[in-house]
N, C-alpha and C. Protein backbone atom coordinates (compact mmCIF):
# COMPACT_ATOMS: atom_id res chain seq x y z
N MET A 1 0.86 -1.17 0.00
CA MET A 1 0.00 0.00 0.00
C MET A 1 0.90 1.23 0.00
N ILE A 2 0.60 2.21 -0.84
CA ILE A 2 1.40 3.42 -0.86
C ILE A 2 1.03 4.31 0.31
N ALA A 3 1.92 5.23 0.65
CA ALA A 3 1.65 6.20 1.71
C ALA A 3 0.93 7.40 1.12
N ASN A 4 0.19 8.11 1.96
CA ASN A 4 -0.46 9.36 1.56
C ASN A 4 -0.32 10.30 2.74
N ARG A 5 0.48 11.35 2.59
CA ARG A 5 0.73 12.27 3.69
C ARG A 5 -0.51 13.03 4.14
N SER A 6 -1.59 12.94 3.40
CA SER A 6 -2.82 13.61 3.80
C SER A 6 -3.65 12.78 4.78
N LEU A 7 -3.32 11.50 4.96
CA LEU A 7 -4.16 10.63 5.77
C LEU A 7 -3.36 9.57 6.50
N PRO A 8 -3.22 9.66 7.83
CA PRO A 8 -2.54 8.59 8.59
C PRO A 8 -3.46 7.39 8.76
N MET A 9 -2.89 6.24 9.11
CA MET A 9 -3.67 5.02 9.33
C MET A 9 -3.36 4.45 10.71
N ASP A 10 -4.24 3.54 11.18
CA ASP A 10 -3.97 2.73 12.37
C ASP A 10 -3.67 3.56 13.62
N THR A 11 -4.51 4.53 13.92
CA THR A 11 -4.20 5.38 15.06
C THR A 11 -5.22 5.32 16.19
N VAL A 12 -6.41 4.74 15.95
CA VAL A 12 -7.46 4.75 16.96
C VAL A 12 -8.13 3.38 17.02
N LEU A 13 -8.50 2.92 18.21
CA LEU A 13 -9.29 1.71 18.37
C LEU A 13 -10.71 2.13 18.76
N PRO A 14 -11.62 2.24 17.77
CA PRO A 14 -12.97 2.68 18.11
C PRO A 14 -13.78 1.59 18.81
N HIS A 15 -14.72 2.04 19.62
CA HIS A 15 -15.70 1.17 20.27
C HIS A 15 -17.05 1.52 19.66
N VAL A 16 -17.70 0.53 19.06
CA VAL A 16 -18.95 0.74 18.34
C VAL A 16 -20.03 -0.08 19.03
N TRP A 17 -21.16 0.56 19.30
CA TRP A 17 -22.24 -0.07 20.05
C TRP A 17 -23.34 -0.55 19.11
N TYR A 18 -23.83 -1.77 19.37
CA TYR A 18 -24.88 -2.37 18.55
C TYR A 18 -26.03 -2.82 19.43
N GLN A 19 -27.25 -2.71 18.90
CA GLN A 19 -28.45 -3.11 19.64
C GLN A 19 -28.51 -4.63 19.82
N GLU A 20 -28.07 -5.39 18.82
CA GLU A 20 -28.04 -6.85 18.89
C GLU A 20 -26.64 -7.29 18.50
N LEU A 21 -25.75 -7.40 19.49
CA LEU A 21 -24.33 -7.62 19.23
C LEU A 21 -24.04 -8.89 18.45
N ALA A 22 -24.64 -10.01 18.82
CA ALA A 22 -24.36 -11.27 18.11
C ALA A 22 -24.71 -11.14 16.63
N SER A 23 -25.84 -10.53 16.33
CA SER A 23 -26.24 -10.33 14.94
C SER A 23 -25.28 -9.38 14.22
N ALA A 24 -24.82 -8.37 14.93
CA ALA A 24 -23.88 -7.41 14.34
C ALA A 24 -22.55 -8.08 13.99
N ILE A 25 -22.04 -8.93 14.88
CA ILE A 25 -20.79 -9.64 14.61
C ILE A 25 -20.95 -10.50 13.37
N GLU A 26 -22.04 -11.22 13.30
CA GLU A 26 -22.30 -12.08 12.13
C GLU A 26 -22.38 -11.23 10.86
N TRP A 27 -23.09 -10.10 10.92
CA TRP A 27 -23.25 -9.23 9.75
C TRP A 27 -21.92 -8.60 9.33
N LEU A 28 -21.17 -8.08 10.29
CA LEU A 28 -19.88 -7.45 9.98
C LEU A 28 -18.90 -8.45 9.37
N THR A 29 -19.00 -9.70 9.80
CA THR A 29 -18.15 -10.76 9.24
C THR A 29 -18.56 -11.07 7.81
N LYS A 30 -19.85 -11.23 7.59
CA LYS A 30 -20.35 -11.59 6.26
C LYS A 30 -20.22 -10.44 5.27
N ALA A 31 -20.71 -9.27 5.62
CA ALA A 31 -20.77 -8.16 4.67
C ALA A 31 -19.45 -7.43 4.49
N PHE A 32 -18.73 -7.19 5.57
CA PHE A 32 -17.52 -6.38 5.49
C PHE A 32 -16.24 -7.20 5.62
N GLY A 33 -16.36 -8.49 5.95
CA GLY A 33 -15.18 -9.34 6.01
C GLY A 33 -14.36 -9.24 7.28
N PHE A 34 -14.92 -8.64 8.34
CA PHE A 34 -14.20 -8.59 9.61
C PHE A 34 -13.99 -10.01 10.13
N ARG A 35 -12.91 -10.20 10.88
CA ARG A 35 -12.64 -11.49 11.54
C ARG A 35 -12.65 -11.26 13.04
N GLU A 36 -13.28 -12.18 13.72
CA GLU A 36 -13.37 -12.07 15.18
C GLU A 36 -12.06 -12.51 15.81
N HIS A 37 -11.55 -11.69 16.73
CA HIS A 37 -10.34 -12.04 17.49
C HIS A 37 -10.74 -12.68 18.81
N TYR A 38 -11.64 -12.04 19.54
CA TYR A 38 -12.18 -12.62 20.77
C TYR A 38 -13.52 -11.99 21.09
N ARG A 39 -14.25 -12.67 21.98
CA ARG A 39 -15.49 -12.13 22.52
C ARG A 39 -15.50 -12.39 24.01
N TYR A 40 -16.34 -11.65 24.74
CA TYR A 40 -16.39 -11.82 26.19
C TYR A 40 -17.79 -11.50 26.71
N GLY A 41 -18.01 -11.99 27.95
CA GLY A 41 -19.27 -11.74 28.64
C GLY A 41 -20.26 -12.86 28.47
N ALA A 42 -21.05 -13.07 29.53
CA ALA A 42 -22.15 -14.02 29.50
C ALA A 42 -23.30 -13.37 30.24
N PRO A 43 -24.26 -12.78 29.57
CA PRO A 43 -24.42 -12.82 28.11
C PRO A 43 -23.35 -11.97 27.40
N LEU A 44 -23.22 -12.21 26.10
CA LEU A 44 -22.23 -11.53 25.28
C LEU A 44 -22.31 -10.02 25.47
N SER A 45 -21.17 -9.40 25.81
CA SER A 45 -21.18 -7.95 25.99
C SER A 45 -20.18 -7.22 25.10
N GLY A 46 -19.21 -7.95 24.52
CA GLY A 46 -18.25 -7.28 23.65
C GLY A 46 -17.42 -8.26 22.85
N ALA A 47 -16.77 -7.73 21.83
CA ALA A 47 -15.87 -8.53 21.00
C ALA A 47 -14.88 -7.59 20.33
N GLN A 48 -13.75 -8.18 19.96
CA GLN A 48 -12.77 -7.44 19.17
C GLN A 48 -12.70 -8.08 17.79
N LEU A 49 -12.78 -7.23 16.76
CA LEU A 49 -12.78 -7.68 15.37
C LEU A 49 -11.66 -6.97 14.63
N HIS A 50 -11.23 -7.55 13.51
CA HIS A 50 -10.24 -6.87 12.69
C HIS A 50 -10.47 -7.15 11.21
N LEU A 51 -10.01 -6.22 10.40
CA LEU A 51 -10.04 -6.31 8.95
C LEU A 51 -8.80 -5.60 8.46
N ALA A 52 -7.95 -6.32 7.73
CA ALA A 52 -6.66 -5.78 7.32
C ALA A 52 -5.93 -5.31 8.58
N LYS A 53 -5.48 -4.07 8.62
CA LYS A 53 -4.78 -3.56 9.81
C LYS A 53 -5.69 -2.82 10.78
N ALA A 54 -6.98 -2.78 10.49
CA ALA A 54 -7.94 -2.06 11.34
C ALA A 54 -8.52 -3.00 12.40
N TRP A 55 -8.61 -2.49 13.62
CA TRP A 55 -9.17 -3.23 14.75
C TRP A 55 -10.29 -2.40 15.35
N ILE A 56 -11.38 -3.04 15.75
CA ILE A 56 -12.49 -2.36 16.43
C ILE A 56 -12.98 -3.21 17.59
N MET A 57 -13.54 -2.54 18.55
CA MET A 57 -14.27 -3.20 19.62
C MET A 57 -15.74 -2.99 19.31
N VAL A 58 -16.53 -4.06 19.40
CA VAL A 58 -17.97 -3.95 19.24
C VAL A 58 -18.61 -4.34 20.57
N ASN A 59 -19.61 -3.59 20.97
CA ASN A 59 -20.20 -3.77 22.28
C ASN A 59 -21.71 -3.86 22.19
N GLN A 60 -22.29 -4.60 23.13
CA GLN A 60 -23.75 -4.68 23.26
C GLN A 60 -24.23 -3.37 23.87
N ALA A 61 -25.16 -2.71 23.22
CA ALA A 61 -25.71 -1.47 23.74
C ALA A 61 -26.42 -1.72 25.05
N ARG A 62 -26.24 -0.81 25.97
CA ARG A 62 -26.91 -0.88 27.27
C ARG A 62 -28.10 0.08 27.28
N ALA A 63 -28.81 0.10 28.37
CA ALA A 63 -29.95 1.02 28.50
C ALA A 63 -29.49 2.45 28.22
N GLY A 64 -30.25 3.14 27.41
CA GLY A 64 -29.92 4.52 27.09
C GLY A 64 -29.08 4.69 25.84
N TYR A 65 -28.48 3.61 25.35
CA TYR A 65 -27.67 3.68 24.12
C TYR A 65 -28.59 3.48 22.92
N LYS A 66 -28.41 4.30 21.92
CA LYS A 66 -29.19 4.17 20.70
C LYS A 66 -28.25 4.14 19.50
N SER A 67 -28.61 3.35 18.52
CA SER A 67 -27.81 3.27 17.30
C SER A 67 -28.16 4.44 16.39
N PRO A 68 -27.29 4.74 15.42
CA PRO A 68 -27.63 5.78 14.45
C PRO A 68 -28.97 5.50 13.75
N ALA A 69 -29.26 4.23 13.46
CA ALA A 69 -30.53 3.90 12.80
C ALA A 69 -31.72 4.28 13.70
N MET A 70 -31.59 4.08 15.00
CA MET A 70 -32.66 4.43 15.93
C MET A 70 -32.80 5.95 16.07
N LEU A 71 -31.67 6.66 16.03
CA LEU A 71 -31.68 8.11 16.18
C LEU A 71 -32.10 8.83 14.90
N GLY A 72 -31.90 8.15 13.76
CA GLY A 72 -32.22 8.78 12.48
C GLY A 72 -31.06 9.58 11.91
N PHE A 73 -29.90 9.49 12.54
CA PHE A 73 -28.71 10.18 12.04
C PHE A 73 -27.47 9.54 12.66
N GLY A 74 -26.33 9.76 12.03
CA GLY A 74 -25.06 9.27 12.54
C GLY A 74 -24.21 10.42 13.03
N ALA A 75 -23.28 10.11 13.93
CA ALA A 75 -22.43 11.15 14.49
C ALA A 75 -20.96 10.95 14.14
N GLN A 76 -20.62 9.85 13.47
CA GLN A 76 -19.24 9.59 13.13
C GLN A 76 -19.17 8.71 11.90
N SER A 77 -17.95 8.58 11.38
CA SER A 77 -17.70 7.68 10.26
C SER A 77 -16.41 6.93 10.58
N LEU A 78 -16.38 5.65 10.28
CA LEU A 78 -15.21 4.82 10.54
C LEU A 78 -14.55 4.49 9.21
N THR A 79 -13.23 4.69 9.10
CA THR A 79 -12.50 4.40 7.87
C THR A 79 -11.59 3.20 8.07
N VAL A 80 -11.67 2.26 7.14
CA VAL A 80 -10.80 1.08 7.13
C VAL A 80 -10.02 1.12 5.83
N PHE A 81 -8.69 0.97 5.93
CA PHE A 81 -7.83 0.98 4.75
C PHE A 81 -7.61 -0.44 4.25
N LEU A 82 -7.85 -0.64 2.96
CA LEU A 82 -7.75 -1.95 2.31
C LEU A 82 -7.03 -1.80 0.98
N GLU A 83 -6.40 -2.85 0.50
CA GLU A 83 -5.83 -2.85 -0.84
C GLU A 83 -6.93 -3.01 -1.89
N ASP A 84 -7.82 -3.98 -1.69
CA ASP A 84 -8.82 -4.32 -2.71
C ASP A 84 -10.17 -3.68 -2.39
N VAL A 85 -10.26 -2.38 -2.59
CA VAL A 85 -11.51 -1.66 -2.31
C VAL A 85 -12.62 -2.13 -3.23
N GLU A 86 -12.29 -2.37 -4.50
CA GLU A 86 -13.31 -2.80 -5.46
C GLU A 86 -13.91 -4.15 -5.07
N GLY A 87 -13.07 -5.12 -4.71
CA GLY A 87 -13.56 -6.43 -4.28
C GLY A 87 -14.37 -6.33 -3.01
N HIS A 88 -13.93 -5.50 -2.08
CA HIS A 88 -14.65 -5.31 -0.83
C HIS A 88 -16.03 -4.70 -1.10
N TYR A 89 -16.07 -3.73 -2.00
CA TYR A 89 -17.34 -3.10 -2.39
C TYR A 89 -18.30 -4.15 -2.94
N ARG A 90 -17.83 -5.00 -3.83
CA ARG A 90 -18.70 -6.04 -4.41
C ARG A 90 -19.22 -6.97 -3.31
N ARG A 91 -18.35 -7.35 -2.38
CA ARG A 91 -18.75 -8.25 -1.28
C ARG A 91 -19.83 -7.59 -0.43
N ALA A 92 -19.60 -6.34 -0.02
CA ALA A 92 -20.55 -5.64 0.84
C ALA A 92 -21.90 -5.46 0.14
N LYS A 93 -21.85 -5.07 -1.12
CA LYS A 93 -23.09 -4.86 -1.88
C LYS A 93 -23.86 -6.17 -2.02
N ALA A 94 -23.16 -7.27 -2.33
CA ALA A 94 -23.81 -8.57 -2.48
C ALA A 94 -24.43 -9.05 -1.17
N ALA A 95 -23.83 -8.64 -0.03
CA ALA A 95 -24.35 -9.03 1.29
C ALA A 95 -25.48 -8.12 1.76
N GLY A 96 -25.82 -7.12 0.96
CA GLY A 96 -26.94 -6.26 1.31
C GLY A 96 -26.60 -4.99 2.06
N ALA A 97 -25.31 -4.65 2.13
CA ALA A 97 -24.95 -3.40 2.81
C ALA A 97 -25.54 -2.23 2.03
N LYS A 98 -25.99 -1.24 2.75
CA LYS A 98 -26.53 -0.03 2.10
C LYS A 98 -25.33 0.81 1.63
N ILE A 99 -25.19 0.97 0.32
CA ILE A 99 -24.09 1.73 -0.25
C ILE A 99 -24.48 3.20 -0.26
N LEU A 100 -23.67 4.03 0.39
CA LEU A 100 -23.94 5.46 0.49
C LEU A 100 -23.18 6.26 -0.57
N GLU A 101 -21.99 5.79 -0.93
CA GLU A 101 -21.17 6.41 -1.98
C GLU A 101 -20.55 5.30 -2.79
N GLU A 102 -20.70 5.38 -4.10
CA GLU A 102 -20.05 4.41 -5.00
C GLU A 102 -18.54 4.63 -4.95
N PRO A 103 -17.74 3.64 -5.33
CA PRO A 103 -16.28 3.81 -5.34
C PRO A 103 -15.88 5.01 -6.21
N HIS A 104 -14.97 5.82 -5.66
CA HIS A 104 -14.51 7.02 -6.36
C HIS A 104 -13.19 7.50 -5.77
N GLU A 105 -12.48 8.33 -6.51
CA GLU A 105 -11.26 8.93 -5.98
C GLU A 105 -11.59 10.31 -5.43
N THR A 106 -11.07 10.60 -4.24
CA THR A 106 -11.32 11.88 -3.58
C THR A 106 -10.27 12.91 -3.99
N VAL A 107 -10.53 14.17 -3.69
CA VAL A 107 -9.57 15.24 -4.00
C VAL A 107 -8.30 15.09 -3.17
N TYR A 108 -8.39 14.40 -2.03
CA TYR A 108 -7.22 14.26 -1.16
C TYR A 108 -6.45 12.95 -1.40
N GLY A 109 -6.75 12.27 -2.52
CA GLY A 109 -5.91 11.15 -2.93
C GLY A 109 -6.32 9.77 -2.46
N GLU A 110 -7.56 9.59 -2.04
CA GLU A 110 -8.04 8.28 -1.61
C GLU A 110 -9.01 7.71 -2.64
N PHE A 111 -8.98 6.39 -2.83
CA PHE A 111 -10.00 5.70 -3.60
C PHE A 111 -10.86 4.99 -2.58
N GLN A 112 -12.16 5.29 -2.54
CA GLN A 112 -12.99 4.77 -1.45
C GLN A 112 -14.46 4.67 -1.84
N TYR A 113 -15.20 3.95 -0.99
CA TYR A 113 -16.66 3.94 -1.07
C TYR A 113 -17.19 4.00 0.35
N ALA A 114 -18.45 4.37 0.48
CA ALA A 114 -19.08 4.47 1.79
C ALA A 114 -20.27 3.53 1.86
N ALA A 115 -20.46 2.94 3.05
CA ALA A 115 -21.57 2.03 3.27
C ALA A 115 -22.09 2.22 4.70
N GLU A 116 -23.29 1.71 4.91
CA GLU A 116 -23.92 1.77 6.22
C GLU A 116 -24.15 0.35 6.70
N ASP A 117 -23.90 0.10 7.99
CA ASP A 117 -24.12 -1.25 8.51
C ASP A 117 -25.55 -1.42 9.01
N LEU A 118 -25.85 -2.56 9.59
CA LEU A 118 -27.22 -2.88 9.99
C LEU A 118 -27.77 -1.99 11.10
N ASP A 119 -26.91 -1.30 11.85
CA ASP A 119 -27.38 -0.38 12.89
C ASP A 119 -27.22 1.08 12.49
N GLY A 120 -26.86 1.32 11.22
CA GLY A 120 -26.77 2.69 10.71
C GLY A 120 -25.43 3.36 10.88
N HIS A 121 -24.40 2.62 11.33
CA HIS A 121 -23.06 3.21 11.43
C HIS A 121 -22.49 3.42 10.03
N HIS A 122 -21.83 4.55 9.83
CA HIS A 122 -21.27 4.93 8.54
C HIS A 122 -19.81 4.44 8.45
N TRP A 123 -19.50 3.74 7.36
CA TRP A 123 -18.17 3.18 7.14
C TRP A 123 -17.60 3.66 5.81
N LEU A 124 -16.31 3.96 5.79
CA LEU A 124 -15.58 4.23 4.56
C LEU A 124 -14.53 3.15 4.41
N PHE A 125 -14.42 2.60 3.22
CA PHE A 125 -13.38 1.61 2.91
C PHE A 125 -12.51 2.24 1.83
N SER A 126 -11.23 2.38 2.12
CA SER A 126 -10.37 3.26 1.35
C SER A 126 -8.99 2.67 1.12
N ARG A 127 -8.35 3.14 0.04
CA ARG A 127 -6.92 2.87 -0.17
C ARG A 127 -6.31 4.15 -0.70
N HIS A 128 -5.03 4.32 -0.40
CA HIS A 128 -4.32 5.49 -0.91
C HIS A 128 -4.14 5.33 -2.41
N ALA A 129 -4.61 6.30 -3.18
CA ALA A 129 -4.48 6.28 -4.63
C ALA A 129 -3.31 7.15 -5.08
N ARG A 130 -3.09 8.24 -4.36
CA ARG A 130 -2.00 9.16 -4.68
C ARG A 130 -1.42 9.70 -3.39
N ASP A 131 -0.13 10.03 -3.42
CA ASP A 131 0.51 10.65 -2.26
C ASP A 131 0.44 12.16 -2.43
N LEU A 132 -0.43 12.78 -1.68
CA LEU A 132 -0.63 14.23 -1.77
C LEU A 132 -0.35 14.89 -0.43
N ARG A 133 0.34 16.00 -0.47
CA ARG A 133 0.45 16.84 0.72
C ARG A 133 -0.90 17.54 0.90
N PRO A 134 -1.34 17.81 2.10
CA PRO A 134 -2.62 18.49 2.29
C PRO A 134 -2.72 19.80 1.50
N GLU A 135 -1.61 20.51 1.37
CA GLU A 135 -1.61 21.76 0.62
C GLU A 135 -1.92 21.53 -0.87
N ASP A 136 -1.61 20.33 -1.38
CA ASP A 136 -1.82 20.03 -2.79
C ASP A 136 -3.30 20.11 -3.19
N TRP A 137 -4.20 19.88 -2.24
CA TRP A 137 -5.62 19.90 -2.57
C TRP A 137 -6.40 20.99 -1.84
N GLY A 138 -5.67 21.93 -1.23
CA GLY A 138 -6.33 23.10 -0.67
C GLY A 138 -6.46 23.16 0.83
N ALA A 139 -5.94 22.18 1.55
CA ALA A 139 -6.02 22.22 3.01
C ALA A 139 -4.93 23.14 3.56
N THR A 140 -5.16 23.65 4.74
CA THR A 140 -4.18 24.48 5.43
C THR A 140 -3.64 23.68 6.60
N VAL A 141 -2.33 23.47 6.60
CA VAL A 141 -1.68 22.70 7.65
C VAL A 141 -1.41 23.63 8.83
N ALA A 142 -1.74 23.17 10.04
CA ALA A 142 -1.50 23.96 11.24
C ALA A 142 0.00 24.19 11.42
N GLU A 143 0.32 25.37 11.86
CA GLU A 143 1.71 25.72 12.07
C GLU A 143 2.35 24.77 13.07
N GLY A 144 3.54 24.27 12.74
CA GLY A 144 4.26 23.36 13.62
C GLY A 144 3.77 21.92 13.56
N ALA A 145 2.80 21.61 12.67
CA ALA A 145 2.25 20.26 12.61
C ALA A 145 3.22 19.27 11.99
N GLY A 146 4.06 19.73 11.09
CA GLY A 146 5.00 18.82 10.43
C GLY A 146 4.27 17.88 9.50
N GLU A 147 5.00 16.90 9.00
CA GLU A 147 4.43 15.91 8.06
C GLU A 147 3.95 14.69 8.81
N VAL A 148 2.93 14.06 8.28
CA VAL A 148 2.38 12.82 8.86
C VAL A 148 3.30 11.69 8.48
């Protein structure tokens, strides 16, 4: 995978909450190709999954937690970097994932598509298409930030 100075990878371990965790694990495995590393709790309360170099924690929603689908909007987007974005797109679409953006190249040098999972979480699946400095596409780099 080529580097892209406009976008770092592998920096955060997100925790994503699902209304029906067991169903979500099954769906994320089938549609997005995640692999389960471990699960815990009786009843099931969490699991760690991975896809390529991306790792996530998935958790059973507790009282008061609502999914984006229940709220009618999302508050975040999760990006996973992959080599074969096109193949991943075909897999997700065939599994019934809601495609929000068809595969395309962005102004900041990524080739990606966007999809929504069964609880309404927004996902981007991306690969670096070009190595661009943020200034190359119009971003302003904070003073003293240096290169990624």
